[in-house]
Amino acid sequence: MATGTQIEVVMPQMGVSVSEGTITKWLKQPGEAVAQDEALLEISTDKVDTEVPSPGDGIVSEILVGEGQTVEVGTVLAVIAPAGSAVGAPAPVESAPAAPTPEATPPAPLAAAPSGSEPQSPQAPPAVGAPAGNGRTFVSPVVARIASEHGVDPTAVPGTGTGGRVTKKDILAYIESGAQAPAVVPAAAAPAAPVPPAPAAPAPPTAVKPAAPAPASAPLQQGEAQEPMTAMRRGVMEHMRRSLDTSAHVTSAMEVDMSKIVAARERLKKEYQSAYGVNPTYLAFVAHATVETLRDYPWINAEIRGESIVTRPWVNLGIAVALEDGKGLIVPVIRNAQDLNLLGMARGIADLAARARTKKLLPDDVQGGTFTITNPGGFGTFHGTPIISQPQVGILGTYALVKRPWVVQDELGQDVIAIRPLMNVTLTYDHRLVDGAYSGGFLRDLRERLEGWEQTD
């Protein structure tokens, strides 16, 4: 309902750790009517892509931030006028500027140190919220962390944010371009007495350097296409690389005879769909059995903090969900999964998958996971080595259900070959905490639960 006054649409606070967002698409244009809670625009953060609903009824009067621009939480994005208001021609909206290249933005000249001053150490990245030497204020913890990890001085990075603020997009583009932040040159010291040269130390063995990525400014060849990387894809890229650099990844696998699960699903499918509107997928059965097994293997549901091992009595189960056309991967979390029966697990998985694919998730929905399941088997994949989601220490992979010959015992105890529905399951674990015997025991007990399935709840 129109209130008679204009309504400002601001960049929402999408979670305690999210300080900025990128406008990916405006769903309404100036002059178009919009209803309260109707989707008005889509935004992207390093955690989720989501829709922002309109805070009220009216006419979109003005769009202040263009698609592709990244702004801070609280920034006014648009103005909604009361219904029936005259809306003039829309003002041009500035599009997101292209990431500067090293050639276009030369490094700032180095300031000469005062005569006679002490040598200075290279400048460390400013603390979050501290003003930088160029007058910009850095409020994003994400930018500060990336700067610290890569040894980059944020004051040397050209900022495209509000007031010249350096955004995550700016600093990532700067790093990918191969530019280096200039270090402060130490002041010249007084000449010292000559010192006899020390014996030369043996040269260390030459390290094998990884192949450098292609420069961001490399010209396109015929037939190539280029598109900007979304905030979510950049977040996935950074998180996966950091996980490999952090954890000692090892993957173990087992084959599971899913005969009893297949039979149980056939019995429950009609009841669940007619009474509750839920499809009991194979993933729901595996997830329920996994949570039950984690009770006996708390270190697989644990976390390494410094030199301590942190365990917990609950399981916040992450379920990896692929977005349309492979444009992203998101891991929403079912909290307190240990309290759910099979029906509750099936409902939770269906709800998360639907909200992930319709951009209804919030950043808090993808945080706090203690263990993750990924299910590439829906595409026919029969094996894989997933990457752990930090700071977790384990991730379970479930794969295609395939009918294959299998050795079983008949009623006389003789070995015979039968056709059975088999599924590979893998456990990728952090070998810093989880050993092979411990992970093998977990997979063995999980297989026994699935092969001996009995519906008890």
Protein backbone atom coordinates (compact mmCIF):
# COMPACT_ATOMS: atom_id res chain seq x y z
CA MET A 1 0.00 0.00 0.00
CA ALA A 2 1.31 3.45 -0.89
CA THR A 3 2.18 5.57 2.10
CA GLY A 4 2.30 8.93 0.34
CA THR A 5 6.05 9.21 0.81
CA GLN A 6 9.00 7.91 -1.15
CA ILE A 7 10.66 4.66 -0.09
CA GLU A 8 14.39 4.15 -0.30
CA VAL A 9 15.67 0.70 -1.25
CA VAL A 10 19.02 0.02 0.42
CA MET A 11 21.62 -2.72 0.12
CA PRO A 12 20.48 -5.14 2.85
CA GLN A 13 22.67 -6.65 5.57
CA MET A 14 22.89 -10.22 4.25
CA GLY A 15 24.71 -11.72 7.24
CA VAL A 16 27.10 -10.70 9.96
CA SER A 17 30.17 -11.34 7.78
CA VAL A 18 28.83 -9.65 4.62
CA SER A 19 29.66 -5.97 4.22
CA GLU A 20 28.99 -5.41 0.51
CA GLY A 21 27.07 -6.77 -2.45
CA THR A 22 27.03 -6.58 -6.24
CA ILE A 23 23.94 -5.66 -8.26
CA THR A 24 23.55 -8.44 -10.83
CA LYS A 25 20.14 -7.64 -12.31
CA TRP A 26 17.32 -5.15 -11.91
CA LEU A 27 13.97 -6.93 -12.27
CA LYS A 28 12.04 -3.65 -12.44
CA GLN A 29 12.85 -0.49 -14.38
CA PRO A 30 12.00 3.17 -13.69
CA GLY A 31 8.32 3.82 -14.28
CA GLU A 32 7.24 0.23 -13.57
CA ALA A 33 4.92 -0.64 -10.71
CA VAL A 34 6.11 -2.91 -7.94
CA ALA A 35 4.22 -4.54 -5.07
CA GLN A 36 5.51 -4.96 -1.55
CA ASP A 37 7.64 -8.14 -1.20
CA GLU A 38 7.78 -8.55 -5.00
CA ALA A 39 11.28 -9.32 -6.27
CA LEU A 40 12.87 -6.00 -7.23
CA LEU A 41 16.51 -6.88 -8.00
CA GLU A 42 19.09 -9.63 -7.71
CA ILE A 43 22.31 -9.20 -5.80
CA SER A 44 25.41 -11.32 -5.42
CA THR A 45 27.79 -11.63 -2.49
CA ASP A 46 30.77 -13.90 -1.97
CA LYS A 47 28.40 -16.33 -0.24
CA VAL A 48 25.03 -16.35 -2.05
CA ASP A 49 23.09 -14.96 -4.99
CA THR A 50 19.66 -13.81 -3.86
CA GLU A 51 16.67 -11.67 -4.73
CA VAL A 52 15.82 -8.49 -2.83
CA PRO A 53 12.09 -7.86 -2.33
CA SER A 54 10.53 -4.44 -2.59
CA PRO A 55 10.04 -2.79 0.83
CA GLY A 56 6.72 -1.30 -0.28
CA ASP A 57 4.14 -0.68 -3.01
CA GLY A 58 4.60 2.01 -5.62
CA ILE A 59 6.37 3.02 -8.80
CA VAL A 60 10.12 2.63 -9.32
CA SER A 61 11.07 6.29 -9.48
CA GLU A 62 14.84 6.12 -9.75
CA ILE A 63 17.62 3.52 -9.91
CA LEU A 64 20.81 4.85 -8.34
CA VAL A 65 23.20 1.90 -8.67
CA GLY A 66 23.72 0.13 -11.97
CA GLU A 67 24.11 -3.55 -12.69
CA GLY A 68 27.60 -4.84 -12.02
CA GLN A 69 28.39 -2.26 -9.35
CA THR A 70 29.51 -3.32 -5.87
CA VAL A 71 28.40 -1.17 -2.95
CA GLU A 72 28.42 -1.29 0.83
CA VAL A 73 25.58 -2.46 3.03
CA GLY A 74 23.19 0.46 3.64
CA THR A 75 23.83 2.15 0.27
CA VAL A 76 20.65 3.51 -1.31
CA LEU A 77 19.99 1.53 -4.49
CA ALA A 78 16.69 2.92 -5.74
CA VAL A 79 13.72 5.08 -4.85
CA ILE A 80 10.08 3.95 -4.97
CA ALA A 81 7.46 6.67 -5.34
CA PRO A 82 3.81 6.34 -4.27
CA ALA A 83 1.46 4.79 -6.79
CA GLY A 84 0.08 7.43 -9.15
CA SER A 85 3.11 9.69 -8.87
CA ALA A 86 4.50 11.22 -12.03
CA VAL A 87 7.86 9.66 -12.78
CA GLY A 88 10.19 11.61 -15.02
CA ALA A 89 12.72 10.27 -17.43
CA PRO A 90 15.19 8.08 -15.62
CA ALA A 91 18.58 9.55 -14.95
CA PRO A 92 21.45 7.65 -16.55
CA VAL A 93 22.88 5.06 -14.21
CA GLU A 94 26.62 4.72 -14.13
CA SER A 95 27.67 1.21 -15.02
CA ALA A 96 30.38 -0.64 -13.18
CA PRO A 97 33.82 0.59 -14.25
CA ALA A 98 36.18 -1.92 -15.75
CA ALA A 99 38.94 -3.21 -13.51
CA PRO A 100 42.03 -1.04 -14.01
CA THR A 101 45.06 -2.57 -15.63
CA PRO A 102 48.61 -1.97 -14.45
CA GLU A 103 49.37 -0.01 -17.64
CA ALA A 104 46.37 2.31 -17.18
CA THR A 105 47.08 2.96 -13.50
CA PRO A 106 50.79 3.40 -12.81
CA PRO A 107 51.99 2.97 -9.22
CA ALA A 108 51.99 6.10 -7.10
CA PRO A 109 55.43 7.73 -6.86
CA LEU A 110 57.43 6.69 -3.83
CA ALA A 111 57.76 9.33 -1.15
CA ALA A 112 61.32 10.15 -0.15
CA ALA A 113 62.12 9.36 3.46
CA PRO A 114 63.23 12.28 5.64
CA SER A 115 66.99 12.69 5.82
CA GLY A 116 68.52 10.89 8.77
CA SER A 117 65.40 8.91 9.61
CA GLU A 118 65.42 5.27 10.62
CA PRO A 119 64.87 2.65 7.90
CA GLN A 120 61.18 1.79 7.64
CA SER A 121 59.71 -1.67 7.23
CA PRO A 122 57.25 -2.27 4.42
CA GLN A 123 53.83 -0.91 5.28
CA ALA A 124 51.36 -3.50 6.51
CA PRO A 125 47.78 -3.47 5.25
CA PRO A 126 45.64 -1.14 7.37
CA ALA A 127 43.30 -2.59 9.95
CA VAL A 128 39.65 -2.90 9.11
CA GLY A 129 38.00 0.47 9.54
CA ALA A 130 41.30 2.38 9.68
CA PRO A 131 41.79 5.24 7.21
CA ALA A 132 44.36 4.55 4.50
CA GLY A 133 47.09 6.88 3.37
CA ASN A 134 45.11 8.01 0.35
CA GLY A 135 42.07 9.01 2.40
CA ARG A 136 40.00 5.90 1.73
CA THR A 137 38.57 3.95 4.63
CA PHE A 138 38.63 0.16 4.50
CA VAL A 139 35.67 -1.34 6.27
CA SER A 140 35.48 -4.73 4.57
CA PRO A 141 37.06 -7.59 6.52
CA VAL A 142 37.13 -9.60 3.28
CA VAL A 143 39.34 -7.01 1.56
CA ALA A 144 41.64 -6.78 4.59
CA ARG A 145 42.06 -10.56 4.74
CA ILE A 146 42.80 -10.91 1.01
CA ALA A 147 45.31 -8.06 1.21
CA SER A 148 47.06 -9.68 4.16
CA GLU A 149 47.17 -13.14 2.51
CA HIS A 150 48.71 -11.79 -0.71
CA GLY A 151 51.01 -9.19 0.88
CA VAL A 152 49.26 -6.35 -0.94
CA ASP A 153 49.02 -2.80 0.39
CA PRO A 154 45.36 -1.81 -0.22
CA THR A 155 46.34 1.88 -0.42
CA ALA A 156 48.02 1.13 -3.76
CA VAL A 157 44.90 -0.45 -5.25
CA PRO A 158 42.62 1.87 -7.25
CA GLY A 159 39.17 1.72 -5.67
CA THR A 160 35.88 1.82 -7.55
CA GLY A 161 33.61 1.73 -4.49
CA THR A 162 31.79 4.60 -2.86
CA GLY A 163 34.21 7.43 -2.15
CA GLY A 164 37.06 5.54 -3.81
CA ARG A 165 36.79 2.61 -1.40
CA VAL A 166 38.60 -0.56 -2.43
CA THR A 167 36.12 -3.40 -2.93
CA LYS A 168 36.79 -7.12 -3.06
CA LYS A 169 36.42 -6.97 -6.84
CA ASP A 170 39.11 -4.27 -7.02
CA ILE A 171 41.71 -6.11 -4.98
CA LEU A 172 41.12 -9.44 -6.74
CA ALA A 173 41.47 -7.77 -10.14
CA TYR A 174 44.66 -6.07 -8.95
CA ILE A 175 46.15 -9.38 -7.75
CA GLU A 176 45.11 -11.29 -10.88
CA SER A 177 46.67 -8.60 -13.08
CA GLY A 178 50.07 -9.47 -11.61
CA ALA A 179 50.64 -5.98 -10.19
CA GLN A 180 52.52 -5.67 -6.92
CA ALA A 181 51.94 -3.06 -4.26
CA PRO A 182 54.97 -0.77 -3.95
CA ALA A 183 56.98 -1.20 -0.81
CA VAL A 184 58.27 1.79 1.14
CA VAL A 185 61.94 2.40 0.31
CA PRO A 186 64.15 2.56 3.42
CA ALA A 187 65.93 5.85 3.99
CA ALA A 188 69.61 5.97 3.09
CA ALA A 189 71.79 5.24 6.10
CA ALA A 190 75.23 6.72 6.84
CA PRO A 191 78.11 4.79 5.25
CA ALA A 192 79.41 2.06 7.52
CA ALA A 193 82.90 0.69 7.87
CA PRO A 194 83.65 -2.02 5.32
CA VAL A 195 82.97 -5.51 6.58
CA PRO A 196 84.79 -8.56 5.22
CA PRO A 197 82.42 -10.61 3.07
CA ALA A 198 80.96 -13.70 4.73
CA PRO A 199 81.45 -17.08 3.07
CA ALA A 200 78.77 -17.64 0.46
CA ALA A 201 76.07 -20.04 1.63
CA PRO A 202 75.16 -22.87 -0.73
CA ALA A 203 72.28 -21.93 -2.97
CA PRO A 204 68.99 -23.63 -2.01
CA PRO A 205 67.46 -25.99 -4.54
CA THR A 206 65.35 -24.20 -7.08
CA ALA A 207 61.66 -24.56 -6.29
CA VAL A 208 59.34 -25.51 -9.10
CA LYS A 209 57.03 -22.59 -9.63
CA PRO A 210 53.43 -23.24 -10.67
CA ALA A 211 52.43 -22.03 -14.08
CA ALA A 212 51.24 -18.43 -13.89
CA PRO A 213 47.64 -17.81 -14.95
CA ALA A 214 47.05 -16.01 -18.22
CA PRO A 215 47.09 -12.23 -17.68
CA ALA A 216 43.68 -10.67 -17.34
CA SER A 217 44.49 -8.25 -20.17
CA ALA A 218 45.43 -10.91 -22.74
CA PRO A 219 43.60 -10.19 -26.01
CA LEU A 220 40.82 -12.54 -27.02
CA GLN A 221 41.47 -14.90 -29.89
CA GLN A 222 38.98 -15.59 -32.62
CA GLY A 223 36.06 -17.63 -31.30
CA GLU A 224 36.74 -16.88 -27.65
CA ALA A 225 34.09 -15.28 -25.46
CA GLN A 226 34.58 -13.42 -22.20
CA GLU A 227 32.26 -12.73 -19.29
CA PRO A 228 32.90 -11.23 -15.87
CA MET A 229 33.32 -13.62 -12.96
CA THR A 230 30.47 -13.37 -10.47
CA ALA A 231 31.06 -12.69 -6.79
CA MET A 232 29.90 -16.24 -6.01
CA ARG A 233 32.33 -17.79 -8.48
CA ARG A 234 35.18 -15.71 -7.08
CA GLY A 235 34.19 -16.86 -3.61
CA VAL A 236 34.15 -20.52 -4.68
CA MET A 237 37.53 -20.10 -6.39
CA GLU A 238 39.12 -18.56 -3.31
CA HIS A 239 37.54 -21.05 -0.89
CA MET A 240 38.57 -24.13 -2.86
CA ARG A 241 42.16 -22.95 -3.27
CA ARG A 242 42.40 -22.05 0.42
CA SER A 243 41.04 -25.47 1.42
CA LEU A 244 43.68 -27.30 -0.62
CA ASP A 245 46.36 -25.09 0.88
CA THR A 246 45.05 -25.74 4.42
CA SER A 247 44.01 -29.39 4.72
CA ALA A 248 45.88 -32.61 3.96
CA HIS A 249 43.26 -34.14 1.65
CA VAL A 250 42.88 -37.93 1.50
CA THR A 251 39.92 -39.79 -0.05
CA SER A 252 38.70 -43.30 0.82
CA ALA A 253 35.85 -45.13 -0.94
CA MET A 254 33.49 -48.05 -0.40
CA GLU A 255 30.82 -49.80 -2.45
CA VAL A 256 27.41 -50.14 -0.83
CA ASP A 257 24.65 -52.61 -1.72
CA MET A 258 21.57 -50.36 -1.69
CA SER A 259 19.01 -53.16 -2.10
CA LYS A 260 17.22 -52.47 1.20
CA ILE A 261 17.27 -48.71 0.61
CA VAL A 262 15.71 -49.17 -2.84
CA ALA A 263 12.97 -51.35 -1.35
CA ALA A 264 12.34 -48.96 1.54
CA ARG A 265 12.13 -45.98 -0.81
CA GLU A 266 9.56 -47.77 -2.98
CA ARG A 267 7.44 -48.46 0.11
CA LEU A 268 7.61 -44.88 1.41
CA LYS A 269 7.54 -42.91 -1.82
CA LYS A 270 3.77 -42.89 -2.36
CA GLU A 271 3.03 -42.15 1.31
CA TYR A 272 5.53 -39.30 1.57
CA GLN A 273 4.43 -37.68 -1.67
CA SER A 274 0.68 -37.90 -1.02
CA ALA A 275 0.71 -37.04 2.68
CA TYR A 276 3.64 -34.62 2.91
CA GLY A 277 4.48 -33.57 -0.65
CA VAL A 278 8.06 -34.80 -0.21
CA ASN A 279 10.05 -37.19 -2.37
CA PRO A 280 12.24 -39.52 -0.26
CA THR A 281 15.40 -39.39 -2.37
CA TYR A 282 18.34 -41.74 -1.95
CA LEU A 283 20.27 -38.71 -0.69
CA ALA A 284 17.85 -38.38 2.23
CA PHE A 285 18.50 -42.00 3.26
CA VAL A 286 22.27 -41.56 3.01
CA ALA A 287 22.17 -38.25 4.90
CA HIS A 288 20.12 -39.73 7.74
CA ALA A 289 22.47 -42.71 8.06
CA THR A 290 25.50 -40.41 7.89
CA VAL A 291 24.30 -38.26 10.78
CA GLU A 292 23.64 -41.39 12.85
CA THR A 293 27.15 -42.67 12.11
CA LEU A 294 28.77 -39.34 13.01
CA ARG A 295 27.63 -39.86 16.61
CA ASP A 296 30.26 -42.60 16.91
CA TYR A 297 32.98 -40.67 15.04
CA PRO A 298 33.02 -37.16 16.55
CA TRP A 299 36.38 -36.22 15.03
CA ILE A 300 34.89 -36.37 11.53
CA ASN A 301 32.35 -33.77 12.70
CA ALA A 302 35.08 -31.73 14.41
CA GLU A 303 37.25 -28.72 13.67
CA ILE A 304 40.92 -27.87 14.15
CA ARG A 305 41.47 -24.58 16.00
CA GLY A 306 45.14 -23.85 16.39
CA GLU A 307 46.51 -26.86 18.25
CA SER A 308 43.13 -27.89 19.68
CA ILE A 309 40.46 -30.29 18.44
CA VAL A 310 36.92 -28.94 18.85
CA THR A 311 34.07 -31.47 18.83
CA ARG A 312 30.37 -30.82 19.23
CA PRO A 313 27.23 -32.84 20.04
CA TRP A 314 25.28 -31.48 17.07
CA VAL A 315 25.56 -31.92 13.31
CA ASN A 316 24.96 -28.96 11.03
CA LEU A 317 24.80 -30.82 7.74
CA GLY A 318 25.80 -29.00 4.55
CA ILE A 319 24.22 -30.20 1.29
CA ALA A 320 26.08 -29.10 -1.85
CA VAL A 321 23.69 -27.73 -4.49
CA ALA A 322 24.70 -26.94 -8.07
CA LEU A 323 23.00 -23.91 -9.58
CA GLU A 324 21.59 -23.74 -13.09
CA ASP A 325 23.99 -24.15 -16.02
CA GLY A 326 26.91 -24.78 -13.67
CA LYS A 327 27.05 -21.07 -12.80
CA GLY A 328 27.76 -21.68 -9.15
CA LEU A 329 27.94 -24.06 -6.24
CA ILE A 330 26.38 -23.38 -2.88
CA VAL A 331 26.27 -25.40 0.33
CA PRO A 332 23.21 -24.54 2.47
CA VAL A 333 23.09 -26.06 5.94
CA ILE A 334 20.50 -28.19 7.74
CA ARG A 335 20.98 -27.21 11.37
CA ASN A 336 20.73 -29.76 14.17
CA ALA A 337 20.33 -32.59 11.68
CA GLN A 338 20.83 -35.10 14.52
CA ASP A 339 17.27 -34.31 15.70
CA LEU A 340 15.62 -35.19 12.36
CA ASN A 341 14.01 -38.46 11.32
CA LEU A 342 14.00 -39.61 7.69
CA LEU A 343 10.95 -37.49 6.82
CA GLY A 344 12.49 -34.40 8.40
CA MET A 345 15.72 -34.98 6.52
CA ALA A 346 13.88 -35.36 3.20
CA ARG A 347 11.95 -32.14 3.88
CA GLY A 348 15.11 -30.26 4.84
CA ILE A 349 17.01 -31.30 1.71
CA ALA A 350 14.07 -30.44 -0.58
CA ASP A 351 13.62 -27.02 1.06
CA LEU A 352 17.28 -26.08 0.80
CA ALA A 353 17.57 -27.20 -2.81
CA ALA A 354 14.44 -25.26 -3.84
CA ARG A 355 15.52 -22.06 -2.09
CA ALA A 356 19.06 -22.32 -3.46
CA ARG A 357 17.87 -22.63 -7.05
CA THR A 358 15.30 -19.83 -6.71
CA LYS A 359 17.75 -17.46 -4.98
CA LYS A 360 15.83 -17.37 -1.71
CA LEU A 361 18.76 -18.26 0.55
CA LEU A 362 20.38 -15.82 2.95
CA PRO A 363 24.10 -15.85 3.83
CA ASP A 364 23.29 -17.21 7.29
CA ASP A 365 21.77 -20.28 5.57
CA VAL A 366 25.20 -21.27 4.24
CA GLN A 367 27.24 -20.76 7.39
CA GLY A 368 27.95 -22.89 10.44
CA GLY A 369 28.17 -26.28 8.71
CA THR A 370 30.11 -29.00 10.53
CA PHE A 371 30.04 -31.74 7.85
CA THR A 372 29.06 -31.76 4.17
CA ILE A 373 27.55 -34.18 1.66
CA THR A 374 27.93 -33.68 -2.09
CA ASN A 375 25.85 -35.70 -4.53
CA PRO A 376 27.27 -35.69 -8.08
CA GLY A 377 25.74 -39.14 -8.58
CA GLY A 378 22.58 -37.47 -9.86
CA PHE A 379 24.51 -36.78 -13.08
CA GLY A 380 25.77 -40.35 -13.42
CA THR A 381 29.17 -39.79 -11.81
CA PHE A 382 30.42 -42.97 -10.14
CA HIS A 383 33.49 -41.66 -8.28
CA GLY A 384 35.17 -38.43 -7.21
CA THR A 385 37.46 -36.70 -4.73
CA PRO A 386 35.56 -33.72 -3.27
CA ILE A 387 37.30 -30.77 -1.63
CA ILE A 388 36.65 -30.16 2.06
CA SER A 389 34.67 -27.06 3.02
CA GLN A 390 36.77 -25.17 5.55
CA PRO A 391 36.97 -25.28 8.53
CA GLN A 392 35.36 -28.74 8.38
CA VAL A 393 37.52 -31.87 8.26
CA GLY A 394 35.36 -34.16 6.13
CA ILE A 395 33.03 -34.33 3.15
CA LEU A 396 31.04 -37.35 1.94
CA GLY A 397 30.50 -37.97 -1.76
CA THR A 398 27.55 -40.05 -2.99
CA TYR A 399 27.53 -41.37 -6.54
CA ALA A 400 25.34 -42.99 -9.16
CA LEU A 401 23.19 -45.97 -8.20
CA VAL A 402 24.12 -48.63 -10.77
CA LYS A 403 22.97 -52.25 -11.13
CA ARG A 404 25.99 -54.52 -11.36
CA PRO A 405 26.94 -58.17 -10.74
CA TRP A 406 27.68 -58.74 -7.06
CA VAL A 407 28.79 -61.78 -5.08
CA VAL A 408 26.23 -62.75 -2.40
CA GLN A 409 25.43 -65.83 -0.39
CA ASP A 410 22.36 -67.91 -1.12
CA GLU A 411 20.20 -69.69 1.47
CA LEU A 412 22.74 -72.54 1.61
CA GLY A 413 25.62 -70.18 2.37
CA GLN A 414 27.13 -70.61 -1.10
CA ASP A 415 28.64 -67.71 -3.03
CA VAL A 416 26.57 -66.78 -6.07
CA ILE A 417 26.50 -63.87 -8.48
CA ALA A 418 23.43 -61.64 -8.31
CA ILE A 419 22.42 -58.28 -9.76
CA ARG A 420 22.41 -55.60 -7.05
CA PRO A 421 21.94 -51.81 -7.02
CA LEU A 422 25.35 -50.52 -5.93
CA MET A 423 26.52 -47.07 -4.94
CA ASN A 424 30.03 -45.79 -4.37
CA VAL A 425 30.48 -43.49 -1.38
CA THR A 426 33.67 -41.57 -0.67
CA LEU A 427 34.94 -39.80 2.40
CA THR A 428 37.47 -37.05 1.83
CA TYR A 429 39.06 -36.18 5.16
CA ASP A 430 41.72 -33.92 6.59
CA HIS A 431 44.61 -36.23 7.45
CA ARG A 432 45.92 -33.69 9.95
CA LEU A 433 43.16 -34.91 12.27
CA VAL A 434 41.51 -37.98 10.76
CA ASP A 435 43.59 -41.11 10.12
CA GLY A 436 42.90 -43.86 7.59
CA ALA A 437 41.73 -46.39 10.19
CA TYR A 438 39.29 -43.88 11.71
CA SER A 439 37.86 -42.93 8.30
CA GLY A 440 37.68 -46.60 7.31
CA GLY A 441 35.69 -47.40 10.43
CA PHE A 442 33.28 -44.58 9.63
CA LEU A 443 32.70 -45.80 6.07
CA ARG A 444 32.31 -49.41 7.27
CA ASP A 445 29.65 -48.46 9.83
CA LEU A 446 27.87 -46.23 7.33
CA ARG A 447 27.75 -49.11 4.84
CA GLU A 448 26.37 -51.45 7.49
CA ARG A 449 23.60 -48.97 8.33
CA LEU A 450 22.61 -48.63 4.68
CA GLU A 451 22.84 -52.33 3.81
CA GLY A 452 20.92 -53.32 6.95
CA TRP A 453 18.37 -50.49 6.75
CA GLU A 454 15.34 -50.82 9.00
CA GLN A 455 12.77 -48.06 9.21
CA THR A 456 12.43 -47.16 12.88
CA ASP A 457 11.11 -43.59 12.80
